[in-house]
Amino acid sequence: MSPTPPVPPRPTETRRPDPDESWLDVGRVGRPHGVQGTVHVALFNPEGDFYEHATTLRALVVGRPAFLVELLELRPVNDGFLARFEGFDDRAAAASLTHAVLSVARSALPAPDEDEVYLNEIVDSVVYDAVSGERVGQVSGLIATHTDLLEVRLDAGGKALLPVECDAIESLGREPGKVVVRDIEDWRSE
């Protein structure tokens, strides 16, 4: 019988995020890369520049309380990004971050331009039909793929998935808590 592999050690997690802060998810940690604590990271918005404004991130690993990590390095590679975090100096420590969702404090980011919105801020927004003006659903989540998708829970039942960049979206959070769409039935997914 072979011995059970050791559980990777976890760095000391003494820094906890402010519970009153609003956090925007920016990526997910993948597998370790090499032996010096580097990890693969999939950014939800690879063109974003959050790391120019904030290097302190919230890490959330299922089954553990959220904790803060300090981003030391983020560099692009062929299939995503590689990152290093303070205190995660070897492969075992880096492995303890696998599947962690990384978030940045909203207060650390600049205000969006007049015609922009941080997508995380439109979750729970009410969705209205552009023609009738009637409520048709509510944004229940975001799905980060090569194209960001709005998941809308329809008042009539079921859900719709709309690409954020599609022509059917006429207004995306310009009025806080409100999204206006055309032909939402064309995007019904169930």
N, C-alpha and C. Protein backbone atom coordinates (compact mmCIF):
# COMPACT_ATOMS: atom_id res chain seq x y z
N MET A 1 0.85 -1.18 0.00
CA MET A 1 0.00 0.00 0.00
C MET A 1 0.90 1.24 0.00
N SER A 2 0.63 2.18 -0.92
CA SER A 2 1.47 3.38 -0.99
C SER A 2 1.01 4.40 0.04
N PRO A 3 1.95 5.20 0.53
CA PRO A 3 1.58 6.21 1.53
C PRO A 3 0.72 7.31 0.90
N THR A 4 -0.11 7.94 1.72
CA THR A 4 -0.94 9.05 1.27
C THR A 4 -0.05 10.26 1.05
N PRO A 5 -0.21 10.97 -0.08
CA PRO A 5 0.62 12.16 -0.31
C PRO A 5 0.33 13.22 0.74
N PRO A 6 1.34 13.99 1.11
CA PRO A 6 1.13 15.03 2.13
C PRO A 6 0.23 16.14 1.61
N VAL A 7 -0.51 16.75 2.51
CA VAL A 7 -1.34 17.90 2.18
C VAL A 7 -0.42 19.11 2.09
N PRO A 8 -0.54 19.91 1.00
CA PRO A 8 0.35 21.06 0.87
C PRO A 8 0.15 22.03 2.03
N PRO A 9 1.24 22.59 2.53
CA PRO A 9 1.11 23.56 3.62
C PRO A 9 0.44 24.84 3.12
N ARG A 10 -0.25 25.52 4.02
CA ARG A 10 -0.85 26.80 3.67
C ARG A 10 -0.07 27.90 4.36
N PRO A 11 0.28 28.95 3.62
CA PRO A 11 0.95 30.08 4.28
C PRO A 11 0.04 30.67 5.35
N THR A 12 0.65 31.36 6.27
CA THR A 12 -0.12 32.00 7.33
C THR A 12 -1.11 32.98 6.72
N GLU A 13 -2.34 32.85 7.09
CA GLU A 13 -3.40 33.70 6.54
C GLU A 13 -3.88 34.65 7.62
N THR A 14 -3.09 35.65 7.93
CA THR A 14 -3.45 36.56 9.00
C THR A 14 -4.20 37.78 8.50
N ARG A 15 -4.03 38.12 7.25
CA ARG A 15 -4.69 39.30 6.72
C ARG A 15 -6.03 38.92 6.13
N ARG A 16 -7.08 39.48 6.67
CA ARG A 16 -8.45 39.20 6.23
C ARG A 16 -9.01 40.43 5.49
N PRO A 17 -9.84 40.20 4.48
CA PRO A 17 -10.44 41.33 3.76
C PRO A 17 -11.46 42.07 4.61
N ASP A 18 -11.62 43.35 4.33
CA ASP A 18 -12.62 44.17 4.99
C ASP A 18 -14.00 43.66 4.58
N PRO A 19 -14.82 43.24 5.56
CA PRO A 19 -16.14 42.68 5.21
C PRO A 19 -17.08 43.72 4.61
N ASP A 20 -16.81 45.00 4.79
CA ASP A 20 -17.67 46.05 4.25
C ASP A 20 -17.28 46.48 2.85
N GLU A 21 -16.14 45.98 2.36
CA GLU A 21 -15.66 46.35 1.03
C GLU A 21 -16.44 45.60 -0.05
N SER A 22 -16.61 46.23 -1.19
CA SER A 22 -17.21 45.59 -2.35
C SER A 22 -16.05 45.03 -3.19
N TRP A 23 -16.16 43.77 -3.59
CA TRP A 23 -15.08 43.09 -4.31
C TRP A 23 -15.52 42.71 -5.70
N LEU A 24 -14.64 42.92 -6.68
CA LEU A 24 -14.90 42.54 -8.07
C LEU A 24 -14.00 41.38 -8.42
N ASP A 25 -14.57 40.27 -8.87
CA ASP A 25 -13.78 39.10 -9.25
C ASP A 25 -13.00 39.42 -10.52
N VAL A 26 -11.70 39.10 -10.49
CA VAL A 26 -10.85 39.39 -11.64
C VAL A 26 -10.22 38.15 -12.26
N GLY A 27 -10.21 37.02 -11.53
CA GLY A 27 -9.60 35.83 -12.11
C GLY A 27 -9.68 34.63 -11.20
N ARG A 28 -9.12 33.53 -11.71
CA ARG A 28 -9.11 32.27 -10.96
C ARG A 28 -7.72 31.67 -11.08
N VAL A 29 -7.20 31.17 -9.95
CA VAL A 29 -5.88 30.55 -9.93
C VAL A 29 -5.99 29.12 -10.44
N GLY A 30 -5.06 28.76 -11.28
CA GLY A 30 -4.97 27.40 -11.80
C GLY A 30 -3.86 26.62 -11.10
N ARG A 31 -3.24 25.75 -11.83
CA ARG A 31 -2.21 24.88 -11.26
C ARG A 31 -0.89 25.62 -11.05
N PRO A 32 -0.04 25.10 -10.18
CA PRO A 32 1.30 25.68 -10.01
C PRO A 32 2.12 25.53 -11.29
N HIS A 33 3.09 26.39 -11.43
CA HIS A 33 4.00 26.36 -12.58
C HIS A 33 5.43 26.41 -12.03
N GLY A 34 6.15 25.34 -12.16
CA GLY A 34 7.52 25.31 -11.64
C GLY A 34 7.56 25.07 -10.15
N VAL A 35 8.70 25.37 -9.56
CA VAL A 35 8.92 25.05 -8.14
C VAL A 35 9.11 26.28 -7.26
N GLN A 36 8.94 27.49 -7.83
CA GLN A 36 9.22 28.70 -7.05
C GLN A 36 7.96 29.49 -6.68
N GLY A 37 6.81 28.83 -6.67
CA GLY A 37 5.59 29.49 -6.20
C GLY A 37 4.78 30.18 -7.28
N THR A 38 5.14 30.04 -8.52
CA THR A 38 4.39 30.65 -9.61
C THR A 38 3.15 29.81 -9.92
N VAL A 39 2.05 30.47 -10.25
CA VAL A 39 0.80 29.77 -10.58
C VAL A 39 0.24 30.30 -11.90
N HIS A 40 -0.52 29.47 -12.57
CA HIS A 40 -1.29 29.90 -13.74
C HIS A 40 -2.51 30.66 -13.22
N VAL A 41 -2.87 31.74 -13.91
CA VAL A 41 -4.06 32.51 -13.55
C VAL A 41 -4.86 32.78 -14.82
N ALA A 42 -6.15 32.51 -14.77
CA ALA A 42 -7.07 32.86 -15.86
C ALA A 42 -7.77 34.14 -15.45
N LEU A 43 -7.50 35.22 -16.16
CA LEU A 43 -8.16 36.49 -15.87
C LEU A 43 -9.50 36.54 -16.58
N PHE A 44 -10.52 37.03 -15.89
CA PHE A 44 -11.84 37.12 -16.48
C PHE A 44 -11.89 38.20 -17.56
N ASN A 45 -11.05 39.23 -17.43
CA ASN A 45 -10.93 40.27 -18.45
C ASN A 45 -9.46 40.46 -18.75
N PRO A 46 -8.90 39.65 -19.65
CA PRO A 46 -7.46 39.71 -19.91
C PRO A 46 -6.96 41.08 -20.38
N GLU A 47 -7.83 41.90 -20.94
CA GLU A 47 -7.42 43.23 -21.38
C GLU A 47 -7.47 44.25 -20.24
N GLY A 48 -8.02 43.85 -19.09
CA GLY A 48 -8.16 44.76 -17.96
C GLY A 48 -6.81 45.15 -17.37
N ASP A 49 -6.83 46.17 -16.52
CA ASP A 49 -5.58 46.66 -15.93
C ASP A 49 -5.69 46.84 -14.41
N PHE A 50 -6.48 45.98 -13.76
CA PHE A 50 -6.67 46.12 -12.31
C PHE A 50 -5.34 46.18 -11.58
N TYR A 51 -4.34 45.41 -12.04
CA TYR A 51 -3.05 45.29 -11.36
C TYR A 51 -2.27 46.61 -11.40
N GLU A 52 -2.68 47.55 -12.24
CA GLU A 52 -2.04 48.87 -12.23
C GLU A 52 -2.56 49.72 -11.09
N HIS A 53 -3.70 49.33 -10.51
CA HIS A 53 -4.33 50.12 -9.46
C HIS A 53 -4.27 49.44 -8.09
N ALA A 54 -4.18 48.12 -8.09
CA ALA A 54 -4.22 47.40 -6.81
C ALA A 54 -3.45 46.09 -6.93
N THR A 55 -2.57 45.84 -5.97
CA THR A 55 -1.86 44.57 -5.95
C THR A 55 -2.30 43.71 -4.77
N THR A 56 -3.08 44.27 -3.88
CA THR A 56 -3.64 43.48 -2.79
C THR A 56 -4.97 42.91 -3.27
N LEU A 57 -5.06 41.58 -3.29
CA LEU A 57 -6.24 40.90 -3.79
C LEU A 57 -6.85 40.02 -2.72
N ARG A 58 -8.15 39.80 -2.82
CA ARG A 58 -8.83 38.83 -1.96
C ARG A 58 -8.76 37.48 -2.66
N ALA A 59 -8.39 36.46 -1.92
CA ALA A 59 -8.39 35.08 -2.44
C ALA A 59 -9.47 34.31 -1.70
N LEU A 60 -10.28 33.60 -2.47
CA LEU A 60 -11.36 32.82 -1.88
C LEU A 60 -11.26 31.39 -2.40
N VAL A 61 -10.91 30.49 -1.49
CA VAL A 61 -10.81 29.07 -1.79
C VAL A 61 -11.97 28.39 -1.09
N VAL A 62 -12.71 27.56 -1.81
CA VAL A 62 -13.87 26.88 -1.23
C VAL A 62 -13.46 26.15 0.05
N GLY A 63 -14.25 26.33 1.10
CA GLY A 63 -13.99 25.65 2.36
C GLY A 63 -13.07 26.39 3.31
N ARG A 64 -12.57 27.56 2.89
CA ARG A 64 -11.69 28.36 3.74
C ARG A 64 -12.18 29.79 3.79
N PRO A 65 -11.90 30.50 4.86
CA PRO A 65 -12.27 31.92 4.90
C PRO A 65 -11.44 32.70 3.86
N ALA A 66 -12.00 33.76 3.33
CA ALA A 66 -11.28 34.61 2.39
C ALA A 66 -10.07 35.23 3.10
N PHE A 67 -9.00 35.44 2.33
CA PHE A 67 -7.79 36.05 2.88
C PHE A 67 -7.16 36.93 1.81
N LEU A 68 -6.30 37.84 2.23
CA LEU A 68 -5.65 38.76 1.31
C LEU A 68 -4.31 38.22 0.87
N VAL A 69 -3.98 38.45 -0.40
CA VAL A 69 -2.68 38.09 -0.95
C VAL A 69 -2.12 39.31 -1.66
N GLU A 70 -0.81 39.39 -1.69
CA GLU A 70 -0.13 40.49 -2.35
C GLU A 70 0.46 40.00 -3.66
N LEU A 71 0.03 40.57 -4.77
CA LEU A 71 0.50 40.20 -6.09
C LEU A 71 1.89 40.79 -6.31
N LEU A 72 2.87 39.92 -6.54
CA LEU A 72 4.23 40.37 -6.80
C LEU A 72 4.54 40.49 -8.29
N GLU A 73 3.94 39.60 -9.07
CA GLU A 73 4.23 39.58 -10.50
C GLU A 73 3.05 38.98 -11.25
N LEU A 74 2.76 39.56 -12.40
CA LEU A 74 1.74 39.03 -13.31
C LEU A 74 2.27 39.22 -14.71
N ARG A 75 2.45 38.11 -15.43
CA ARG A 75 2.99 38.22 -16.79
C ARG A 75 2.23 37.31 -17.73
N PRO A 76 2.05 37.77 -18.98
CA PRO A 76 1.32 36.95 -19.94
C PRO A 76 2.16 35.78 -20.43
N VAL A 77 1.49 34.67 -20.72
CA VAL A 77 2.08 33.51 -21.37
C VAL A 77 1.10 33.09 -22.46
N ASN A 78 1.45 32.09 -23.24
CA ASN A 78 0.62 31.68 -24.39
C ASN A 78 -0.83 31.44 -24.04
N ASP A 79 -1.09 30.75 -22.94
CA ASP A 79 -2.47 30.34 -22.63
C ASP A 79 -3.06 31.08 -21.43
N GLY A 80 -2.58 32.25 -21.12
CA GLY A 80 -3.11 32.99 -19.99
C GLY A 80 -2.03 33.85 -19.33
N PHE A 81 -1.95 33.74 -18.00
CA PHE A 81 -0.99 34.53 -17.24
C PHE A 81 -0.33 33.67 -16.18
N LEU A 82 0.87 34.08 -15.78
CA LEU A 82 1.55 33.48 -14.64
C LEU A 82 1.65 34.56 -13.57
N ALA A 83 1.47 34.15 -12.32
CA ALA A 83 1.51 35.11 -11.21
C ALA A 83 2.32 34.54 -10.05
N ARG A 84 2.88 35.46 -9.28
CA ARG A 84 3.54 35.10 -8.02
C ARG A 84 2.94 35.98 -6.92
N PHE A 85 2.77 35.38 -5.74
CA PHE A 85 2.19 36.08 -4.60
C PHE A 85 3.16 36.02 -3.42
N GLU A 86 3.20 37.09 -2.66
CA GLU A 86 4.06 37.15 -1.48
C GLU A 86 3.72 36.02 -0.52
N GLY A 87 4.75 35.32 -0.03
CA GLY A 87 4.56 34.26 0.96
C GLY A 87 4.26 32.90 0.35
N PHE A 88 4.06 32.83 -0.95
CA PHE A 88 3.81 31.56 -1.64
C PHE A 88 5.05 31.28 -2.49
N ASP A 89 6.09 30.78 -1.82
CA ASP A 89 7.42 30.74 -2.41
C ASP A 89 7.85 29.39 -2.97
N ASP A 90 7.01 28.37 -2.84
CA ASP A 90 7.39 27.08 -3.41
C ASP A 90 6.14 26.42 -4.01
N ARG A 91 6.35 25.31 -4.65
CA ARG A 91 5.25 24.64 -5.37
C ARG A 91 4.12 24.22 -4.43
N ALA A 92 4.45 23.72 -3.24
CA ALA A 92 3.41 23.28 -2.30
C ALA A 92 2.55 24.45 -1.84
N ALA A 93 3.18 25.58 -1.55
CA ALA A 93 2.41 26.76 -1.13
C ALA A 93 1.54 27.25 -2.27
N ALA A 94 2.11 27.26 -3.48
CA ALA A 94 1.35 27.70 -4.65
C ALA A 94 0.15 26.78 -4.89
N ALA A 95 0.33 25.48 -4.67
CA ALA A 95 -0.76 24.52 -4.87
C ALA A 95 -1.94 24.81 -3.95
N SER A 96 -1.67 25.39 -2.79
CA SER A 96 -2.77 25.69 -1.86
C SER A 96 -3.68 26.79 -2.38
N LEU A 97 -3.26 27.51 -3.43
CA LEU A 97 -4.09 28.55 -4.04
C LEU A 97 -4.91 28.04 -5.23
N THR A 98 -4.69 26.80 -5.64
CA THR A 98 -5.38 26.27 -6.81
C THR A 98 -6.90 26.42 -6.66
N HIS A 99 -7.54 26.95 -7.67
CA HIS A 99 -8.98 27.21 -7.76
C HIS A 99 -9.44 28.42 -6.96
N ALA A 100 -8.52 29.17 -6.36
CA ALA A 100 -8.92 30.39 -5.64
C ALA A 100 -9.46 31.42 -6.62
N VAL A 101 -10.56 32.05 -6.26
CA VAL A 101 -11.09 33.17 -7.04
C VAL A 101 -10.42 34.43 -6.49
N LEU A 102 -9.84 35.21 -7.38
CA LEU A 102 -9.15 36.44 -6.99
C LEU A 102 -10.06 37.63 -7.25
N SER A 103 -10.09 38.55 -6.29
CA SER A 103 -10.95 39.73 -6.40
C SER A 103 -10.16 40.96 -6.01
N VAL A 104 -10.54 42.09 -6.58
CA VAL A 104 -9.91 43.36 -6.26
C VAL A 104 -10.96 44.24 -5.57
N ALA A 105 -10.51 45.05 -4.62
CA ALA A 105 -11.42 45.96 -3.91
C ALA A 105 -11.93 47.01 -4.89
N ARG A 106 -13.23 47.21 -4.93
CA ARG A 106 -13.82 48.20 -5.83
C ARG A 106 -13.26 49.58 -5.54
N SER A 107 -12.99 49.87 -4.28
CA SER A 107 -12.50 51.19 -3.90
C SER A 107 -11.09 51.46 -4.43
N ALA A 108 -10.36 50.43 -4.83
CA ALA A 108 -9.01 50.60 -5.35
C ALA A 108 -9.01 50.92 -6.85
N LEU A 109 -10.15 50.77 -7.49
CA LEU A 109 -10.23 50.99 -8.94
C LEU A 109 -10.74 52.38 -9.25
N PRO A 110 -10.32 52.93 -10.38
CA PRO A 110 -10.84 54.24 -10.77
C PRO A 110 -12.32 54.14 -11.15
N ALA A 111 -12.99 55.25 -11.08
CA ALA A 111 -14.40 55.28 -11.50
C ALA A 111 -14.46 55.00 -12.99
N PRO A 112 -15.45 54.20 -13.43
CA PRO A 112 -15.57 53.95 -14.87
C PRO A 112 -15.94 55.23 -15.61
N ASP A 113 -15.58 55.28 -16.89
CA ASP A 113 -15.97 56.42 -17.72
C ASP A 113 -17.49 56.48 -17.80
N GLU A 114 -18.00 57.59 -18.29
CA GLU A 114 -19.45 57.81 -18.34
C GLU A 114 -20.18 56.71 -19.12
N ASP A 115 -19.56 56.19 -20.17
CA ASP A 115 -20.21 55.17 -20.99
C ASP A 115 -19.75 53.76 -20.64
N GLU A 116 -19.13 53.57 -19.47
CA GLU A 116 -18.64 52.27 -19.05
C GLU A 116 -19.28 51.85 -17.73
N VAL A 117 -19.16 50.56 -17.43
CA VAL A 117 -19.67 50.03 -16.18
C VAL A 117 -18.82 48.81 -15.82
N TYR A 118 -18.57 48.60 -14.54
CA TYR A 118 -17.94 47.36 -14.11
C TYR A 118 -19.02 46.29 -14.13
N LEU A 119 -18.79 45.22 -14.90
CA LEU A 119 -19.83 44.22 -15.09
C LEU A 119 -20.34 43.62 -13.79
N ASN A 120 -19.46 43.39 -12.82
CA ASN A 120 -19.91 42.80 -11.56
C ASN A 120 -20.98 43.65 -10.88
N GLU A 121 -20.99 44.93 -11.17
CA GLU A 121 -21.94 45.83 -10.52
C GLU A 121 -23.35 45.74 -11.11
N ILE A 122 -23.52 45.04 -12.22
CA ILE A 122 -24.87 44.94 -12.78
C ILE A 122 -25.59 43.65 -12.37
N VAL A 123 -24.89 42.76 -11.65
CA VAL A 123 -25.57 41.57 -11.13
C VAL A 123 -26.69 42.05 -10.21
N ASP A 124 -27.84 41.44 -10.32
CA ASP A 124 -29.08 41.79 -9.61
C ASP A 124 -29.83 42.96 -10.24
N SER A 125 -29.31 43.54 -11.32
CA SER A 125 -30.04 44.62 -12.00
C SER A 125 -31.32 44.08 -12.63
N VAL A 126 -32.33 44.91 -12.71
CA VAL A 126 -33.59 44.54 -13.33
C VAL A 126 -33.45 44.75 -14.84
N VAL A 127 -33.98 43.81 -15.61
CA VAL A 127 -33.91 43.86 -17.07
C VAL A 127 -35.27 44.26 -17.63
N TYR A 128 -35.26 45.27 -18.52
CA TYR A 128 -36.49 45.79 -19.12
C TYR A 128 -36.45 45.59 -20.63
N ASP A 129 -37.64 45.42 -21.22
CA ASP A 129 -37.77 45.32 -22.67
C ASP A 129 -37.68 46.73 -23.26
N ALA A 130 -36.88 46.91 -24.31
CA ALA A 130 -36.67 48.21 -24.92
C ALA A 130 -37.93 48.75 -25.59
N VAL A 131 -38.79 47.88 -26.12
CA VAL A 131 -39.99 48.32 -26.84
C VAL A 131 -41.13 48.62 -25.88
N SER A 132 -41.48 47.66 -25.02
CA SER A 132 -42.63 47.84 -24.14
C SER A 132 -42.29 48.58 -22.85
N GLY A 133 -41.03 48.57 -22.46
CA GLY A 133 -40.63 49.18 -21.19
C GLY A 133 -40.94 48.32 -19.98
N GLU A 134 -41.50 47.12 -20.22
CA GLU A 134 -41.87 46.24 -19.11
C GLU A 134 -40.68 45.44 -18.60
N ARG A 135 -40.74 45.11 -17.35
CA ARG A 135 -39.73 44.26 -16.73
C ARG A 135 -39.84 42.86 -17.34
N VAL A 136 -38.67 42.27 -17.72
CA VAL A 136 -38.67 40.93 -18.29
C VAL A 136 -37.80 39.96 -17.48
N GLY A 137 -37.02 40.46 -16.54
CA GLY A 137 -36.17 39.57 -15.75
C GLY A 137 -35.18 40.32 -14.89
N GLN A 138 -34.18 39.57 -14.44
CA GLN A 138 -33.16 40.13 -13.56
C GLN A 138 -31.82 39.47 -13.88
N VAL A 139 -30.75 40.26 -13.89
CA VAL A 139 -29.42 39.71 -14.12
C VAL A 139 -29.05 38.86 -12.91
N SER A 140 -28.85 37.56 -13.15
CA SER A 140 -28.55 36.66 -12.03
C SER A 140 -27.07 36.32 -11.93
N GLY A 141 -26.31 36.66 -12.96
CA GLY A 141 -24.88 36.38 -12.89
C GLY A 141 -24.16 36.72 -14.17
N LEU A 142 -22.86 36.51 -14.14
CA LEU A 142 -22.00 36.71 -15.29
C LEU A 142 -21.27 35.41 -15.55
N ILE A 143 -21.05 35.11 -16.80
CA ILE A 143 -20.28 33.93 -17.16
C ILE A 143 -19.09 34.44 -17.96
N ALA A 144 -17.89 34.23 -17.41
CA ALA A 144 -16.67 34.69 -18.07
C ALA A 144 -16.16 33.61 -19.00
N THR A 145 -16.25 33.87 -20.29
CA THR A 145 -15.70 32.99 -21.31
C THR A 145 -14.90 33.89 -22.25
N HIS A 146 -14.62 33.44 -23.44
CA HIS A 146 -13.96 34.33 -24.41
C HIS A 146 -14.86 35.53 -24.71
N THR A 147 -16.15 35.39 -24.50
CA THR A 147 -17.11 36.48 -24.59
C THR A 147 -17.90 36.50 -23.29
N ASP A 148 -17.88 37.63 -22.58
CA ASP A 148 -18.63 37.72 -21.32
C ASP A 148 -20.12 37.61 -21.61
N LEU A 149 -20.80 36.79 -20.79
CA LEU A 149 -22.24 36.58 -20.96
C LEU A 149 -22.99 37.06 -19.74
N LEU A 150 -24.11 37.74 -19.98
CA LEU A 150 -25.04 38.09 -18.90
C LEU A 150 -26.02 36.94 -18.77
N GLU A 151 -26.18 36.44 -17.56
CA GLU A 151 -27.20 35.43 -17.31
C GLU A 151 -28.41 36.14 -16.73
N VAL A 152 -29.53 36.03 -17.42
CA VAL A 152 -30.76 36.72 -17.02
C VAL A 152 -31.80 35.68 -16.64
N ARG A 153 -32.30 35.78 -15.41
CA ARG A 153 -33.42 34.93 -14.96
C ARG A 153 -34.69 35.64 -15.42
N LEU A 154 -35.42 34.98 -16.32
CA LEU A 154 -36.60 35.58 -16.93
C LEU A 154 -37.80 35.49 -16.00
N ASP A 155 -38.57 36.55 -15.94
CA ASP A 155 -39.78 36.55 -15.10
C ASP A 155 -40.78 35.51 -15.58
N ALA A 156 -40.80 35.21 -16.89
CA ALA A 156 -41.72 34.23 -17.45
C ALA A 156 -41.22 32.80 -17.26
N GLY A 157 -40.07 32.65 -16.61
CA GLY A 157 -39.49 31.33 -16.40
C GLY A 157 -38.33 31.06 -17.35
N GLY A 158 -37.37 30.32 -16.88
CA GLY A 158 -36.18 30.02 -17.68
C GLY A 158 -35.14 31.11 -17.56
N LYS A 159 -34.17 31.04 -18.46
CA LYS A 159 -33.12 32.05 -18.44
C LYS A 159 -32.67 32.35 -19.86
N ALA A 160 -31.98 33.47 -19.98
CA ALA A 160 -31.40 33.89 -21.25
C ALA A 160 -29.93 34.21 -21.01
N LEU A 161 -29.11 33.93 -22.01
CA LEU A 161 -27.68 34.26 -21.97
C LEU A 161 -27.39 35.23 -23.10
N LEU A 162 -26.96 36.43 -22.74
CA LEU A 162 -26.69 37.46 -23.73
C LEU A 162 -25.23 37.86 -23.68
N PRO A 163 -24.53 37.83 -24.83
CA PRO A 163 -23.17 38.37 -24.85
C PRO A 163 -23.20 39.85 -24.50
N VAL A 164 -22.29 40.29 -23.66
CA VAL A 164 -22.27 41.69 -23.23
C VAL A 164 -22.15 42.63 -24.42
N GLU A 165 -21.46 42.20 -25.46
CA GLU A 165 -21.23 43.06 -26.62
C GLU A 165 -22.30 42.94 -27.71
N CYS A 166 -23.43 42.28 -27.45
CA CYS A 166 -24.42 42.09 -28.51
C CYS A 166 -25.29 43.33 -28.71
N ASP A 167 -25.85 43.45 -29.92
CA ASP A 167 -26.70 44.59 -30.27
C ASP A 167 -28.03 44.60 -29.53
N ALA A 168 -28.43 43.46 -28.97
CA ALA A 168 -29.70 43.39 -28.26
C ALA A 168 -29.69 44.18 -26.96
N ILE A 169 -28.51 44.45 -26.42
CA ILE A 169 -28.42 45.23 -25.18
C ILE A 169 -28.33 46.70 -25.55
N GLU A 170 -29.38 47.45 -25.19
CA GLU A 170 -29.41 48.88 -25.51
C GLU A 170 -28.81 49.74 -24.41
N SER A 171 -28.95 49.30 -23.17
CA SER A 171 -28.40 50.06 -22.04
C SER A 171 -27.95 49.07 -20.98
N LEU A 172 -26.71 49.21 -20.59
CA LEU A 172 -26.12 48.27 -19.65
C LEU A 172 -25.67 49.00 -18.39
N GLY A 173 -26.60 49.21 -17.47
CA GLY A 173 -26.26 49.81 -16.19
C GLY A 173 -25.97 51.28 -16.20
N ARG A 174 -26.27 51.98 -17.30
CA ARG A 174 -26.04 53.43 -17.30
C ARG A 174 -26.92 54.09 -16.23
N GLU A 175 -28.12 53.55 -16.08
CA GLU A 175 -28.94 53.89 -14.92
C GLU A 175 -28.68 52.78 -13.92
N PRO A 176 -28.17 53.07 -12.73
CA PRO A 176 -27.85 52.00 -11.78
C PRO A 176 -29.03 51.06 -11.56
N GLY A 177 -28.74 49.76 -11.62
CA GLY A 177 -29.75 48.75 -11.37
C GLY A 177 -30.68 48.47 -12.52
N LYS A 178 -30.34 48.97 -13.74
CA LYS A 178 -31.25 48.82 -14.87
C LYS A 178 -30.49 48.41 -16.12
N VAL A 179 -31.01 47.37 -16.80
CA VAL A 179 -30.49 46.92 -18.08
C VAL A 179 -31.66 46.91 -19.05
N VAL A 180 -31.46 47.42 -20.27
CA VAL A 180 -32.52 47.47 -21.27
C VAL A 180 -32.09 46.63 -22.48
N VAL A 181 -32.98 45.70 -22.89
CA VAL A 181 -32.65 44.79 -23.99
C VAL A 181 -33.80 44.71 -25.00
N ARG A 182 -33.46 44.27 -26.21
CA ARG A 182 -34.44 44.00 -27.24
C ARG A 182 -34.47 42.50 -27.51
N ASP A 183 -35.60 41.96 -27.85
CA ASP A 183 -35.73 40.58 -28.32
C ASP A 183 -35.05 39.55 -27.41
N ILE A 184 -35.32 39.64 -26.12
CA ILE A 184 -34.65 38.74 -25.17
C ILE A 184 -35.00 37.28 -25.43
N GLU A 185 -36.17 37.02 -25.99
CA GLU A 185 -36.56 35.63 -26.27
C GLU A 185 -35.61 34.97 -27.27
N ASP A 186 -34.96 35.76 -28.11
CA ASP A 186 -34.00 35.21 -29.06
C ASP A 186 -32.77 34.63 -28.35
N TRP A 187 -32.57 35.00 -27.10
CA TRP A 187 -31.39 34.58 -26.33
C TRP A 187 -31.73 33.55 -25.26
N ARG A 188 -32.98 33.09 -25.24
CA ARG A 188 -33.43 32.11 -24.25
C ARG A 188 -32.55 30.85 -24.35
N SER A 189 -32.13 30.34 -23.20
CA SER A 189 -31.25 29.16 -23.21
C SER A 189 -31.94 27.92 -22.67
N GLU A 190 -33.12 28.06 -22.11
CA GLU A 190 -33.86 26.87 -21.63
C GLU A 190 -35.34 27.13 -21.66
